[in-house]
């Protein structure tokens, strides 16, 4: 009985540790991507994505920087190189459904290179 209880507790701790580890990795990735967007650092973003074995289209909807999507954050910070890089990596349906182009239009970023890239790629 004692061994069964101990085994159950150890399994629960191990499972919890894995969850924390994945959450920590996800948080670290999100923080890094936000930092690279803010600094307009395309090379470091590419390296981080490659090292993490993640595609931007797989994590785009789950990451927010200061309450904004990655593209909105890029437009707010004038990070045109990173923004156009992200636009090129996202699926057209994701670009159309994200509302980033509409956000750019309503927040004074409609003339930015990122908004133009969204418009061209998504056919808006």
PDB file of N, CA and C in Angstrom:
ATOM      1  N   UNK A   1       0.825  -1.183   0.000  1.00  0.00           N
ATOM      2  CA  UNK A   1       0.000   0.000   0.000  1.00  0.00           C
ATOM      3  C   UNK A   1       0.874   1.254   0.000  1.00  0.00           C
ATOM      4  N   UNK A   2       1.887   1.243   0.844  1.00  0.00           N
ATOM      5  CA  UNK A   2       2.785   2.375   0.948  1.00  0.00           C
ATOM      6  C   UNK A   2       3.534   2.594  -0.374  1.00  0.00           C
ATOM      7  N   UNK A   3       3.959   1.491  -1.013  1.00  0.00           N
ATOM      8  CA  UNK A   3       4.678   1.570  -2.285  1.00  0.00           C
ATOM      9  C   UNK A   3       3.760   2.101  -3.385  1.00  0.00           C
ATOM     10  N   UNK A   4       2.503   1.697  -3.374  1.00  0.00           N
ATOM     11  CA  UNK A   4       1.542   2.172  -4.371  1.00  0.00           C
ATOM     12  C   UNK A   4       1.300   3.668  -4.220  1.00  0.00           C
ATOM     13  N   UNK A   5       1.138   4.130  -2.993  1.00  0.00           N
ATOM     14  CA  UNK A   5       0.934   5.547  -2.732  1.00  0.00           C
ATOM     15  C   UNK A   5       2.157   6.357  -3.140  1.00  0.00           C
ATOM     16  N   UNK A   6       3.332   5.872  -2.786  1.00  0.00           N
ATOM     17  CA  UNK A   6       4.572   6.551  -3.147  1.00  0.00           C
ATOM     18  C   UNK A   6       4.733   6.607  -4.664  1.00  0.00           C
ATOM     19  N   UNK A   7       4.410   5.516  -5.330  1.00  0.00           N
ATOM     20  CA  UNK A   7       4.493   5.473  -6.791  1.00  0.00           C
ATOM     21  C   UNK A   7       3.530   6.463  -7.436  1.00  0.00           C
ATOM     22  N   UNK A   8       2.343   6.582  -6.892  1.00  0.00           N
ATOM     23  CA  UNK A   8       1.354   7.525  -7.428  1.00  0.00           C
ATOM     24  C   UNK A   8       1.814   8.963  -7.252  1.00  0.00           C
ATOM     25  N   UNK A   9       2.374   9.260  -6.079  1.00  0.00           N
ATOM     26  CA  UNK A   9       2.864  10.616  -5.815  1.00  0.00           C
ATOM     27  C   UNK A   9       4.024  10.942  -6.745  1.00  0.00           C
ATOM     28  N   UNK A  10       4.930  10.004  -6.921  1.00  0.00           N
ATOM     29  CA  UNK A  10       6.081  10.234  -7.811  1.00  0.00           C
ATOM     30  C   UNK A  10       5.630  10.435  -9.249  1.00  0.00           C
ATOM     31  N   UNK A  11       4.640   9.674  -9.682  1.00  0.00           N
ATOM     32  CA  UNK A  11       4.124   9.831 -11.043  1.00  0.00           C
ATOM     33  C   UNK A  11       3.466  11.194 -11.210  1.00  0.00           C
ATOM     34  N   UNK A  12       2.741  11.635 -10.212  1.00  0.00           N
ATOM     35  CA  UNK A  12       2.090  12.946 -10.285  1.00  0.00           C
ATOM     36  C   UNK A  12       3.116  14.068 -10.329  1.00  0.00           C
ATOM     37  N   UNK A  13       4.162  13.939  -9.522  1.00  0.00           N
ATOM     38  CA  UNK A  13       5.217  14.954  -9.527  1.00  0.00           C
ATOM     39  C   UNK A  13       5.925  14.978 -10.871  1.00  0.00           C
ATOM     40  N   UNK A  14       6.207  13.802 -11.415  1.00  0.00           N
ATOM     41  CA  UNK A  14       6.880  13.734 -12.716  1.00  0.00           C
ATOM     42  C   UNK A  14       6.009  14.349 -13.802  1.00  0.00           C
ATOM     43  N   UNK A  15       4.724  14.056 -13.789  1.00  0.00           N
ATOM     44  CA  UNK A  15       3.822  14.615 -14.799  1.00  0.00           C
ATOM     45  C   UNK A  15       3.732  16.127 -14.663  1.00  0.00           C
ATOM     46  N   UNK A  16       3.671  16.611 -13.454  1.00  0.00           N
ATOM     47  CA  UNK A  16       3.606  18.046 -13.219  1.00  0.00           C
ATOM     48  C   UNK A  16       4.883  18.723 -13.672  1.00  0.00           C
ATOM     49  N   UNK A  17       6.009  18.102 -13.429  1.00  0.00           N
ATOM     50  CA  UNK A  17       7.293  18.655 -13.850  1.00  0.00           C
ATOM     51  C   UNK A  17       7.382  18.794 -15.355  1.00  0.00           C
ATOM     52  N   UNK A  18       6.853  17.831 -16.069  1.00  0.00           N
ATOM     53  CA  UNK A  18       6.863  17.902 -17.527  1.00  0.00           C
ATOM     54  C   UNK A  18       5.996  19.061 -17.995  1.00  0.00           C
ATOM     55  N   UNK A  19       4.856  19.240 -17.382  1.00  0.00           N
ATOM     56  CA  UNK A  19       3.972  20.331 -17.750  1.00  0.00           C
ATOM     57  C   UNK A  19       4.652  21.682 -17.523  1.00  0.00           C
ATOM     58  N   UNK A  20       5.275  21.831 -16.383  1.00  0.00           N
ATOM     59  CA  UNK A  20       5.974  23.076 -16.102  1.00  0.00           C
ATOM     60  C   UNK A  20       7.094  23.302 -17.101  1.00  0.00           C
ATOM     61  N   UNK A  21       7.787  22.233 -17.455  1.00  0.00           N
ATOM     62  CA  UNK A  21       8.893  22.352 -18.389  1.00  0.00           C
ATOM     63  C   UNK A  21       8.399  22.843 -19.749  1.00  0.00           C
ATOM     64  N   UNK A  22       7.303  22.279 -20.239  1.00  0.00           N
ATOM     65  CA  UNK A  22       6.774  22.697 -21.536  1.00  0.00           C
ATOM     66  C   UNK A  22       6.246  24.123 -21.476  1.00  0.00           C
ATOM     67  N   UNK A  23       5.594  24.477 -20.363  1.00  0.00           N
ATOM     68  CA  UNK A  23       5.113  25.851 -20.218  1.00  0.00           C
ATOM     69  C   UNK A  23       6.278  26.815 -20.160  1.00  0.00           C
ATOM     70  N   UNK A  24       7.332  26.435 -19.465  1.00  0.00           N
ATOM     71  CA  UNK A  24       8.509  27.293 -19.371  1.00  0.00           C
ATOM     72  C   UNK A  24       9.146  27.481 -20.731  1.00  0.00           C
ATOM     73  N   UNK A  25       9.223  26.410 -21.512  1.00  0.00           N
ATOM     74  CA  UNK A  25       9.787  26.502 -22.859  1.00  0.00           C
ATOM     75  C   UNK A  25       8.927  27.390 -23.748  1.00  0.00           C
ATOM     76  N   UNK A  26       7.618  27.242 -23.654  1.00  0.00           N
ATOM     77  CA  UNK A  26       6.707  28.058 -24.460  1.00  0.00           C
ATOM     78  C   UNK A  26       6.818  29.526 -24.068  1.00  0.00           C
ATOM     79  N   UNK A  27       6.892  29.799 -22.782  1.00  0.00           N
ATOM     80  CA  UNK A  27       7.026  31.185 -22.323  1.00  0.00           C
ATOM     81  C   UNK A  27       8.346  31.788 -22.779  1.00  0.00           C
ATOM     82  N   UNK A  28       9.403  31.004 -22.720  1.00  0.00           N
ATOM     83  CA  UNK A  28      10.718  31.478 -23.145  1.00  0.00           C
ATOM     84  C   UNK A  28      10.724  31.765 -24.647  1.00  0.00           C
ATOM     85  N   UNK A  29      10.084  30.898 -25.429  1.00  0.00           N
ATOM     86  CA  UNK A  29       9.993  31.109 -26.871  1.00  0.00           C
ATOM     87  C   UNK A  29       9.198  32.379 -27.173  1.00  0.00           C
ATOM     88  N   UNK A  30       8.065  32.544 -26.512  1.00  0.00           N
ATOM     89  CA  UNK A  30       7.233  33.731 -26.739  1.00  0.00           C
ATOM     90  C   UNK A  30       7.983  35.004 -26.373  1.00  0.00           C
ATOM     91  N   UNK A  31       8.670  34.997 -25.245  1.00  0.00           N
ATOM     92  CA  UNK A  31       9.431  36.163 -24.821  1.00  0.00           C
ATOM     93  C   UNK A  31      10.540  36.480 -25.822  1.00  0.00           C
ATOM     94  N   UNK A  32      11.222  35.455 -26.289  1.00  0.00           N
ATOM     95  CA  UNK A  32      12.289  35.661 -27.277  1.00  0.00           C
ATOM     96  C   UNK A  32      11.736  36.244 -28.568  1.00  0.00           C
ATOM     97  N   UNK A  33      10.627  35.700 -29.050  1.00  0.00           N
ATOM     98  CA  UNK A  33      10.054  36.188 -30.305  1.00  0.00           C
ATOM     99  C   UNK A  33       9.597  37.638 -30.162  1.00  0.00           C
ATOM    100  N   UNK A  34       8.997  37.978 -29.040  1.00  0.00           N
ATOM    101  CA  UNK A  34       8.586  39.369 -28.819  1.00  0.00           C
ATOM    102  C   UNK A  34       9.802  40.291 -28.793  1.00  0.00           C
ATOM    103  N   UNK A  35      10.865  39.849 -28.156  1.00  0.00           N
ATOM    104  CA  UNK A  35      12.092  40.648 -28.094  1.00  0.00           C
ATOM    105  C   UNK A  35      12.682  40.849 -29.481  1.00  0.00           C
ATOM    106  N   UNK A  36      12.686  39.803 -30.286  1.00  0.00           N
ATOM    107  CA  UNK A  36      13.248  39.901 -31.637  1.00  0.00           C
ATOM    108  C   UNK A  36      12.377  40.775 -32.534  1.00  0.00           C
ATOM    109  N   UNK A  37      11.062  40.711 -32.346  1.00  0.00           N
ATOM    110  CA  UNK A  37      10.174  41.583 -33.116  1.00  0.00           C
ATOM    111  C   UNK A  37      10.431  43.033 -32.731  1.00  0.00           C
ATOM    112  N   UNK A  38      10.516  43.303 -31.443  1.00  0.00           N
ATOM    113  CA  UNK A  38      10.739  44.674 -30.991  1.00  0.00           C
ATOM    114  C   UNK A  38      12.061  45.223 -31.517  1.00  0.00           C
ATOM    115  N   UNK A  39      13.084  44.385 -31.567  1.00  0.00           N
ATOM    116  CA  UNK A  39      14.393  44.814 -32.041  1.00  0.00           C
ATOM    117  C   UNK A  39      14.582  44.692 -33.537  1.00  0.00           C
ATOM    118  N   UNK A  40      13.546  44.243 -34.260  1.00  0.00           N
ATOM    119  CA  UNK A  40      13.600  44.056 -35.717  1.00  0.00           C
ATOM    120  C   UNK A  40      14.780  43.163 -36.101  1.00  0.00           C
ATOM    121  N   UNK A  41      14.940  42.063 -35.378  1.00  0.00           N
ATOM    122  CA  UNK A  41      16.075  41.158 -35.545  1.00  0.00           C
ATOM    123  C   UNK A  41      15.633  39.861 -36.231  1.00  0.00           C
ATOM    124  N   UNK A  42      15.592  39.890 -37.537  1.00  0.00           N
ATOM    125  CA  UNK A  42      15.131  38.741 -38.315  1.00  0.00           C
ATOM    126  C   UNK A  42      16.058  37.545 -38.175  1.00  0.00           C
ATOM    127  N   UNK A  43      17.345  37.781 -38.169  1.00  0.00           N
ATOM    128  CA  UNK A  43      18.303  36.674 -38.110  1.00  0.00           C
ATOM    129  C   UNK A  43      18.164  35.882 -36.799  1.00  0.00           C
ATOM    130  N   UNK A  44      18.063  36.575 -35.691  1.00  0.00           N
ATOM    131  CA  UNK A  44      17.926  35.878 -34.407  1.00  0.00           C
ATOM    132  C   UNK A  44      16.577  35.177 -34.310  1.00  0.00           C
ATOM    133  N   UNK A  45      15.532  35.772 -34.906  1.00  0.00           N
ATOM    134  CA  UNK A  45      14.232  35.120 -34.901  1.00  0.00           C
ATOM    135  C   UNK A  45      14.285  33.817 -35.699  1.00  0.00           C
ATOM    136  N   UNK A  46      14.894  33.867 -36.859  1.00  0.00           N
ATOM    137  CA  UNK A  46      15.030  32.652 -37.674  1.00  0.00           C
ATOM    138  C   UNK A  46      15.775  31.563 -36.905  1.00  0.00           C
ATOM    139  N   UNK A  47      16.868  31.961 -36.258  1.00  0.00           N
ATOM    140  CA  UNK A  47      17.676  30.996 -35.509  1.00  0.00           C
ATOM    141  C   UNK A  47      16.877  30.401 -34.355  1.00  0.00           C
ATOM    142  N   UNK A  48      16.138  31.234 -33.627  1.00  0.00           N
ATOM    143  CA  UNK A  48      15.345  30.747 -32.502  1.00  0.00           C
ATOM    144  C   UNK A  48      14.276  29.769 -32.973  1.00  0.00           C
ATOM    145  N   UNK A  49      13.607  30.094 -34.063  1.00  0.00           N
ATOM    146  CA  UNK A  49      12.587  29.199 -34.604  1.00  0.00           C
ATOM    147  C   UNK A  49      13.207  27.881 -35.058  1.00  0.00           C
ATOM    148  N   UNK A  50      14.341  27.961 -35.719  1.00  0.00           N
ATOM    149  CA  UNK A  50      15.024  26.761 -36.200  1.00  0.00           C
ATOM    150  C   UNK A  50      15.492  25.905 -35.026  1.00  0.00           C
ATOM    151  N   UNK A  51      16.116  26.526 -34.030  1.00  0.00           N
ATOM    152  CA  UNK A  51      16.606  25.784 -32.863  1.00  0.00           C
ATOM    153  C   UNK A  51      15.464  25.163 -32.063  1.00  0.00           C
ATOM    154  N   UNK A  52      14.330  25.830 -32.026  1.00  0.00           N
ATOM    155  CA  UNK A  52      13.161  25.324 -31.294  1.00  0.00           C
ATOM    156  C   UNK A  52      12.361  24.338 -32.127  1.00  0.00           C
ATOM    157  N   UNK A  53      12.707  24.216 -33.395  1.00  0.00           N
ATOM    158  CA  UNK A  53      11.993  23.338 -34.332  1.00  0.00           C
ATOM    159  C   UNK A  53      10.509  23.687 -34.391  1.00  0.00           C
ATOM    160  N   UNK A  54      10.271  24.978 -34.583  1.00  0.00           N
ATOM    161  CA  UNK A  54       8.908  25.507 -34.615  1.00  0.00           C
ATOM    162  C   UNK A  54       8.760  26.376 -35.855  1.00  0.00           C
ATOM    163  N   UNK A  55       7.584  26.307 -36.464  1.00  0.00           N
ATOM    164  CA  UNK A  55       7.268  27.219 -37.561  1.00  0.00           C
ATOM    165  C   UNK A  55       6.420  28.349 -37.002  1.00  0.00           C
ATOM    166  N   UNK A  56       6.650  29.549 -37.506  1.00  0.00           N
ATOM    167  CA  UNK A  56       5.923  30.721 -37.003  1.00  0.00           C
ATOM    168  C   UNK A  56       4.419  30.543 -37.184  1.00  0.00           C
ATOM    169  N   UNK A  57       3.999  29.886 -38.249  1.00  0.00           N
ATOM    170  CA  UNK A  57       2.565  29.702 -38.485  1.00  0.00           C
ATOM    171  C   UNK A  57       1.924  28.802 -37.441  1.00  0.00           C
ATOM    172  N   UNK A  58       2.733  27.948 -36.794  1.00  0.00           N
ATOM    173  CA  UNK A  58       2.186  27.061 -35.764  1.00  0.00           C
ATOM    174  C   UNK A  58       1.995  27.753 -34.419  1.00  0.00           C
ATOM    175  N   UNK A  59       2.717  28.825 -34.161  1.00  0.00           N
ATOM    176  CA  UNK A  59       2.635  29.489 -32.861  1.00  0.00           C
ATOM    177  C   UNK A  59       2.069  30.900 -32.943  1.00  0.00           C
ATOM    178  N   UNK A  60       1.824  31.401 -34.142  1.00  0.00           N
ATOM    179  CA  UNK A  60       1.436  32.801 -34.327  1.00  0.00           C
ATOM    180  C   UNK A  60       0.208  33.186 -33.510  1.00  0.00           C
ATOM    181  N   UNK A  61      -0.831  32.387 -33.555  1.00  0.00           N
ATOM    182  CA  UNK A  61      -2.074  32.749 -32.868  1.00  0.00           C
ATOM    183  C   UNK A  61      -1.951  32.660 -31.353  1.00  0.00           C
ATOM    184  N   UNK A  62      -0.962  31.933 -30.853  1.00  0.00           N
ATOM    185  CA  UNK A  62      -0.818  31.752 -29.416  1.00  0.00           C
ATOM    186  C   UNK A  62       0.103  32.751 -28.738  1.00  0.00           C
ATOM    187  N   UNK A  63       0.753  33.608 -29.508  1.00  0.00           N
ATOM    188  CA  UNK A  63       1.708  34.542 -28.920  1.00  0.00           C
ATOM    189  C   UNK A  63       1.175  35.964 -29.014  1.00  0.00           C
ATOM    190  N   UNK A  64       1.242  36.665 -27.892  1.00  0.00           N
ATOM    191  CA  UNK A  64       0.886  38.082 -27.857  1.00  0.00           C
ATOM    192  C   UNK A  64       2.000  38.840 -27.150  1.00  0.00           C
ATOM    193  N   UNK A  65       2.291  40.003 -27.667  1.00  0.00           N
ATOM    194  CA  UNK A  65       3.311  40.877 -27.084  1.00  0.00           C
ATOM    195  C   UNK A  65       2.613  42.169 -26.662  1.00  0.00           C
ATOM    196  N   UNK A  66       2.584  42.431 -25.393  1.00  0.00           N
ATOM    197  CA  UNK A  66       1.889  43.602 -24.850  1.00  0.00           C
ATOM    198  C   UNK A  66       0.437  43.672 -25.326  1.00  0.00           C
ATOM    199  N   UNK A  67      -0.202  42.515 -25.394  1.00  0.00           N
ATOM    200  CA  UNK A  67      -1.607  42.453 -25.789  1.00  0.00           C
ATOM    201  C   UNK A  67      -1.858  42.551 -27.279  1.00  0.00           C
ATOM    202  N   UNK A  68      -0.807  42.510 -28.083  1.00  0.00           N
ATOM    203  CA  UNK A  68      -0.939  42.608 -29.540  1.00  0.00           C
ATOM    204  C   UNK A  68      -0.399  41.347 -30.192  1.00  0.00           C
ATOM    205  N   UNK A  69      -0.891  41.074 -31.400  1.00  0.00           N
ATOM    206  CA  UNK A  69      -0.324  39.965 -32.163  1.00  0.00           C
ATOM    207  C   UNK A  69       1.102  40.347 -32.577  1.00  0.00           C
ATOM    208  N   UNK A  70       1.848  39.372 -33.043  1.00  0.00           N
ATOM    209  CA  UNK A  70       3.226  39.648 -33.457  1.00  0.00           C
ATOM    210  C   UNK A  70       3.273  40.708 -34.558  1.00  0.00           C
ATOM    211  N   UNK A  71       2.354  40.648 -35.523  1.00  0.00           N
ATOM    212  CA  UNK A  71       2.365  41.632 -36.608  1.00  0.00           C
ATOM    213  C   UNK A  71       1.949  43.018 -36.113  1.00  0.00           C
ATOM    214  N   UNK A  72       0.969  43.083 -35.243  1.00  0.00           N
ATOM    215  CA  UNK A  72       0.571  44.372 -34.687  1.00  0.00           C
ATOM    216  C   UNK A  72       1.716  44.971 -33.875  1.00  0.00           C
ATOM    217  N   UNK A  73       2.402  44.136 -33.104  1.00  0.00           N
ATOM    218  CA  UNK A  73       3.535  44.589 -32.311  1.00  0.00           C
ATOM    219  C   UNK A  73       4.665  45.073 -33.222  1.00  0.00           C
ATOM    220  N   UNK A  74       4.870  44.373 -34.328  1.00  0.00           N
ATOM    221  CA  UNK A  74       5.898  44.787 -35.290  1.00  0.00           C
ATOM    222  C   UNK A  74       5.552  46.146 -35.888  1.00  0.00           C
ATOM    223  N   UNK A  75       4.294  46.352 -36.255  1.00  0.00           N
ATOM    224  CA  UNK A  75       3.893  47.634 -36.823  1.00  0.00           C
ATOM    225  C   UNK A  75       4.017  48.753 -35.793  1.00  0.00           C
ATOM    226  N   UNK A  76       3.653  48.479 -34.558  1.00  0.00           N
ATOM    227  CA  UNK A  76       3.744  49.486 -33.499  1.00  0.00           C
ATOM    228  C   UNK A  76       5.178  49.911 -33.234  1.00  0.00           C
ATOM    229  N   UNK A  77       6.112  48.985 -33.436  1.00  0.00           N
ATOM    230  CA  UNK A  77       7.520  49.260 -33.162  1.00  0.00           C
ATOM    231  C   UNK A  77       8.322  49.611 -34.407  1.00  0.00           C
ATOM    232  N   UNK A  78       7.671  49.655 -35.564  1.00  0.00           N
ATOM    233  CA  UNK A  78       8.381  49.971 -36.802  1.00  0.00           C
ATOM    234  C   UNK A  78       9.353  48.882 -37.230  1.00  0.00           C
ATOM    235  N   UNK A  79       9.071  47.656 -36.845  1.00  0.00           N
ATOM    236  CA  UNK A  79       9.936  46.514 -37.166  1.00  0.00           C
ATOM    237  C   UNK A  79       9.506  45.901 -38.493  1.00  0.00           C
ATOM    238  N   UNK A  80       9.812  46.609 -39.560  1.00  0.00           N
ATOM    239  CA  UNK A  80       9.321  46.210 -40.883  1.00  0.00           C
ATOM    240  C   UNK A  80       9.966  44.950 -41.424  1.00  0.00           C
ATOM    241  N   UNK A  81      11.247  44.738 -41.148  1.00  0.00           N
ATOM    242  CA  UNK A  81      11.914  43.537 -41.660  1.00  0.00           C
ATOM    243  C   UNK A  81      11.318  42.274 -41.045  1.00  0.00           C
ATOM    244  N   UNK A  82      11.180  42.259 -39.728  1.00  0.00           N
ATOM    245  CA  UNK A  82      10.607  41.095 -39.056  1.00  0.00           C
ATOM    246  C   UNK A  82       9.147  40.926 -39.455  1.00  0.00           C
ATOM    247  N   UNK A  83       8.414  42.022 -39.540  1.00  0.00           N
ATOM    248  CA  UNK A  83       7.002  41.951 -39.902  1.00  0.00           C
ATOM    249  C   UNK A  83       6.773  41.349 -41.276  1.00  0.00           C
ATOM    250  N   UNK A  84       7.546  41.793 -42.249  1.00  0.00           N
ATOM    251  CA  UNK A  84       7.385  41.233 -43.597  1.00  0.00           C
ATOM    252  C   UNK A  84       7.859  39.782 -43.643  1.00  0.00           C
ATOM    253  N   UNK A  85       8.851  39.433 -42.822  1.00  0.00           N
ATOM    254  CA  UNK A  85       9.282  38.038 -42.710  1.00  0.00           C
ATOM    255  C   UNK A  85       8.141  37.174 -42.197  1.00  0.00           C
ATOM    256  N   UNK A  86       7.463  37.640 -41.145  1.00  0.00           N
ATOM    257  CA  UNK A  86       6.353  36.877 -40.568  1.00  0.00           C
ATOM    258  C   UNK A  86       5.219  36.737 -41.577  1.00  0.00           C
ATOM    259  N   UNK A  87       4.902  37.823 -42.279  1.00  0.00           N
ATOM    260  CA  UNK A  87       3.832  37.776 -43.285  1.00  0.00           C
ATOM    261  C   UNK A  87       4.129  36.699 -44.325  1.00  0.00           C
ATOM    262  N   UNK A  88       5.376  36.609 -44.733  1.00  0.00           N
ATOM    263  CA  UNK A  88       5.762  35.620 -45.733  1.00  0.00           C
ATOM    264  C   UNK A  88       5.674  34.191 -45.257  1.00  0.00           C
ATOM    265  N   UNK A  89       5.669  33.986 -43.945  1.00  0.00           N
ATOM    266  CA  UNK A  89       5.644  32.632 -43.391  1.00  0.00           C
ATOM    267  C   UNK A  89       4.255  32.169 -42.965  1.00  0.00           C
ATOM    268  N   UNK A  90       3.310  33.086 -42.867  1.00  0.00           N
ATOM    269  CA  UNK A  90       1.966  32.717 -42.436  1.00  0.00           C
ATOM    270  C   UNK A  90       1.118  32.264 -43.623  1.00  0.00           C
ATOM    271  N   UNK A  91       0.166  31.401 -43.341  1.00  0.00           N
ATOM    272  CA  UNK A  91      -0.779  30.962 -44.361  1.00  0.00           C
ATOM    273  C   UNK A  91      -1.713  32.120 -44.710  1.00  0.00           C
ATOM    274  N   UNK A  92      -2.157  32.158 -45.940  1.00  0.00           N
ATOM    275  CA  UNK A  92      -3.035  33.233 -46.402  1.00  0.00           C
ATOM    276  C   UNK A  92      -4.316  33.280 -45.574  1.00  0.00           C
ATOM    277  N   UNK A  93      -4.872  32.123 -45.252  1.00  0.00           N
ATOM    278  CA  UNK A  93      -6.100  32.094 -44.445  1.00  0.00           C
ATOM    279  C   UNK A  93      -5.873  32.690 -43.058  1.00  0.00           C
ATOM    280  N   UNK A  94      -4.691  32.452 -42.494  1.00  0.00           N
ATOM    281  CA  UNK A  94      -4.372  33.037 -41.184  1.00  0.00           C
ATOM    282  C   UNK A  94      -4.272  34.555 -41.280  1.00  0.00           C
ATOM    283  N   UNK A  95      -3.696  35.046 -42.360  1.00  0.00           N
ATOM    284  CA  UNK A  95      -3.587  36.494 -42.552  1.00  0.00           C
ATOM    285  C   UNK A  95      -4.960  37.133 -42.706  1.00  0.00           C
ATOM    286  N   UNK A  96      -5.825  36.486 -43.469  1.00  0.00           N
ATOM    287  CA  UNK A  96      -7.170  37.026 -43.677  1.00  0.00           C
ATOM    288  C   UNK A  96      -7.986  37.014 -42.398  1.00  0.00           C
ATOM    289  N   UNK A  97      -7.839  35.957 -41.599  1.00  0.00           N
ATOM    290  CA  UNK A  97      -8.650  35.800 -40.394  1.00  0.00           C
ATOM    291  C   UNK A  97      -8.101  36.488 -39.160  1.00  0.00           C
ATOM    292  N   UNK A  98      -6.880  36.964 -39.216  1.00  0.00           N
ATOM    293  CA  UNK A  98      -6.255  37.528 -38.019  1.00  0.00           C
ATOM    294  C   UNK A  98      -6.770  38.908 -37.650  1.00  0.00           C
ATOM    295  N   UNK A  99      -7.218  39.660 -38.630  1.00  0.00           N
ATOM    296  CA  UNK A  99      -7.670  41.019 -38.369  1.00  0.00           C
ATOM    297  C   UNK A  99      -6.529  42.012 -38.249  1.00  0.00           C
ATOM    298  N   UNK A 100      -5.305  41.584 -38.568  1.00  0.00           N
ATOM    299  CA  UNK A 100      -4.143  42.472 -38.448  1.00  0.00           C
ATOM    300  C   UNK A 100      -4.193  43.614 -39.463  1.00  0.00           C
ATOM    301  N   UNK A 101      -4.674  43.332 -40.658  1.00  0.00           N
ATOM    302  CA  UNK A 101      -4.749  44.387 -41.669  1.00  0.00           C
ATOM    303  C   UNK A 101      -5.773  45.445 -41.259  1.00  0.00           C
ATOM    304  N   UNK A 102      -6.904  44.996 -40.774  1.00  0.00           N
ATOM    305  CA  UNK A 102      -7.942  45.925 -40.320  1.00  0.00           C
ATOM    306  C   UNK A 102      -7.433  46.744 -39.129  1.00  0.00           C
ATOM    307  N   UNK A 103      -6.691  46.083 -38.226  1.00  0.00           N
ATOM    308  CA  UNK A 103      -6.109  46.782 -37.086  1.00  0.00           C
ATOM    309  C   UNK A 103      -5.152  47.870 -37.577  1.00  0.00           C
ATOM    310  N   UNK A 104      -4.337  47.526 -38.580  1.00  0.00           N
ATOM    311  CA  UNK A 104      -3.378  48.497 -39.116  1.00  0.00           C
ATOM    312  C   UNK A 104      -4.102  49.700 -39.700  1.00  0.00           C
ATOM    313  N   UNK A 105      -5.174  49.461 -40.422  1.00  0.00           N
ATOM    314  CA  UNK A 105      -5.940  50.544 -41.026  1.00  0.00           C
ATOM    315  C   UNK A 105      -6.538  51.464 -39.959  1.00  0.00           C
ATOM    316  N   UNK A 106      -7.057  50.888 -38.900  1.00  0.00           N
ATOM    317  CA  UNK A 106      -7.730  51.692 -37.887  1.00  0.00           C
ATOM    318  C   UNK A 106      -6.777  52.337 -36.877  1.00  0.00           C
ATOM    319  N   UNK A 107      -5.509  51.938 -36.887  1.00  0.00           N
ATOM    320  CA  UNK A 107      -4.555  52.484 -35.919  1.00  0.00           C
ATOM    321  C   UNK A 107      -3.419  53.260 -36.577  1.00  0.00           C
ATOM    322  N   UNK A 108      -3.618  53.693 -37.802  1.00  0.00           N
ATOM    323  CA  UNK A 108      -2.645  54.553 -38.459  1.00  0.00           C
ATOM    324  C   UNK A 108      -1.415  53.861 -39.026  1.00  0.00           C
ATOM    325  N   UNK A 109      -1.490  52.555 -39.209  1.00  0.00           N
ATOM    326  CA  UNK A 109      -0.355  51.820 -39.767  1.00  0.00           C
ATOM    327  C   UNK A 109      -0.669  51.269 -41.156  1.00  0.00           C
ATOM    328  N   UNK A 110      -1.719  51.767 -41.774  1.00  0.00           N
ATOM    329  CA  UNK A 110      -2.150  51.258 -43.078  1.00  0.00           C
ATOM    330  C   UNK A 110      -1.114  51.435 -44.171  1.00  0.00           C
ATOM    331  N   UNK A 111      -0.246  52.413 -44.042  1.00  0.00           N
ATOM    332  CA  UNK A 111       0.776  52.652 -45.056  1.00  0.00           C
ATOM    333  C   UNK A 111       2.099  51.959 -44.777  1.00  0.00           C
ATOM    334  N   UNK A 112       2.163  51.193 -43.702  1.00  0.00           N
ATOM    335  CA  UNK A 112       3.426  50.536 -43.359  1.00  0.00           C
ATOM    336  C   UNK A 112       3.731  49.408 -44.336  1.00  0.00           C
ATOM    337  N   UNK A 113       5.007  49.084 -44.502  1.00  0.00           N
ATOM    338  CA  UNK A 113       5.378  47.965 -45.376  1.00  0.00           C
ATOM    339  C   UNK A 113       4.763  46.641 -44.933  1.00  0.00           C
ATOM    340  N   UNK A 114       4.535  46.488 -43.654  1.00  0.00           N
ATOM    341  CA  UNK A 114       3.927  45.247 -43.158  1.00  0.00           C
ATOM    342  C   UNK A 114       2.475  45.152 -43.613  1.00  0.00           C
ATOM    343  N   UNK A 115       1.729  46.233 -43.468  1.00  0.00           N
ATOM    344  CA  UNK A 115       0.331  46.245 -43.907  1.00  0.00           C
ATOM    345  C   UNK A 115       0.243  46.013 -45.405  1.00  0.00           C
ATOM    346  N   UNK A 116       1.152  46.602 -46.161  1.00  0.00           N
ATOM    347  CA  UNK A 116       1.168  46.396 -47.614  1.00  0.00           C
ATOM    348  C   UNK A 116       1.475  44.941 -47.955  1.00  0.00           C
ATOM    349  N   UNK A 117       2.399  44.328 -47.198  1.00  0.00           N
ATOM    350  CA  UNK A 117       2.724  42.918 -47.429  1.00  0.00           C
ATOM    351  C   UNK A 117       1.530  42.025 -47.129  1.00  0.00           C
ATOM    352  N   UNK A 118       0.798  42.336 -46.054  1.00  0.00           N
ATOM    353  CA  UNK A 118      -0.415  41.579 -45.732  1.00  0.00           C
ATOM    354  C   UNK A 118      -1.426  41.719 -46.845  1.00  0.00           C
ATOM    355  N   UNK A 119      -1.616  42.952 -47.315  1.00  0.00           N
ATOM    356  CA  UNK A 119      -2.596  43.228 -48.360  1.00  0.00           C
ATOM    357  C   UNK A 119      -2.254  42.442 -49.637  1.00  0.00           C
ATOM    358  N   UNK A 120      -0.988  42.462 -50.031  1.00  0.00           N
ATOM    359  CA  UNK A 120      -0.570  41.756 -51.238  1.00  0.00           C
ATOM    360  C   UNK A 120      -0.686  40.248 -51.094  1.00  0.00           C
ATOM    361  N   UNK A 121      -0.223  39.722 -49.971  1.00  0.00           N
ATOM    362  CA  UNK A 121      -0.215  38.263 -49.790  1.00  0.00           C
ATOM    363  C   UNK A 121      -1.619  37.711 -49.606  1.00  0.00           C
ATOM    364  N   UNK A 122      -2.455  38.415 -48.850  1.00  0.00           N
ATOM    365  CA  UNK A 122      -3.813  37.914 -48.574  1.00  0.00           C
ATOM    366  C   UNK A 122      -4.812  38.326 -49.643  1.00  0.00           C
ATOM    367  N   UNK A 123      -4.412  39.215 -50.547  1.00  0.00           N
ATOM    368  CA  UNK A 123      -5.321  39.657 -51.607  1.00  0.00           C
ATOM    369  C   UNK A 123      -6.452  40.513 -51.081  1.00  0.00           C
ATOM    370  N   UNK A 124      -6.163  41.355 -50.115  1.00  0.00           N
ATOM    371  CA  UNK A 124      -7.204  42.221 -49.521  1.00  0.00           C
ATOM    372  C   UNK A 124      -7.356  43.504 -50.291  1.00  0.00           C
TER     373      UNK A 124
END
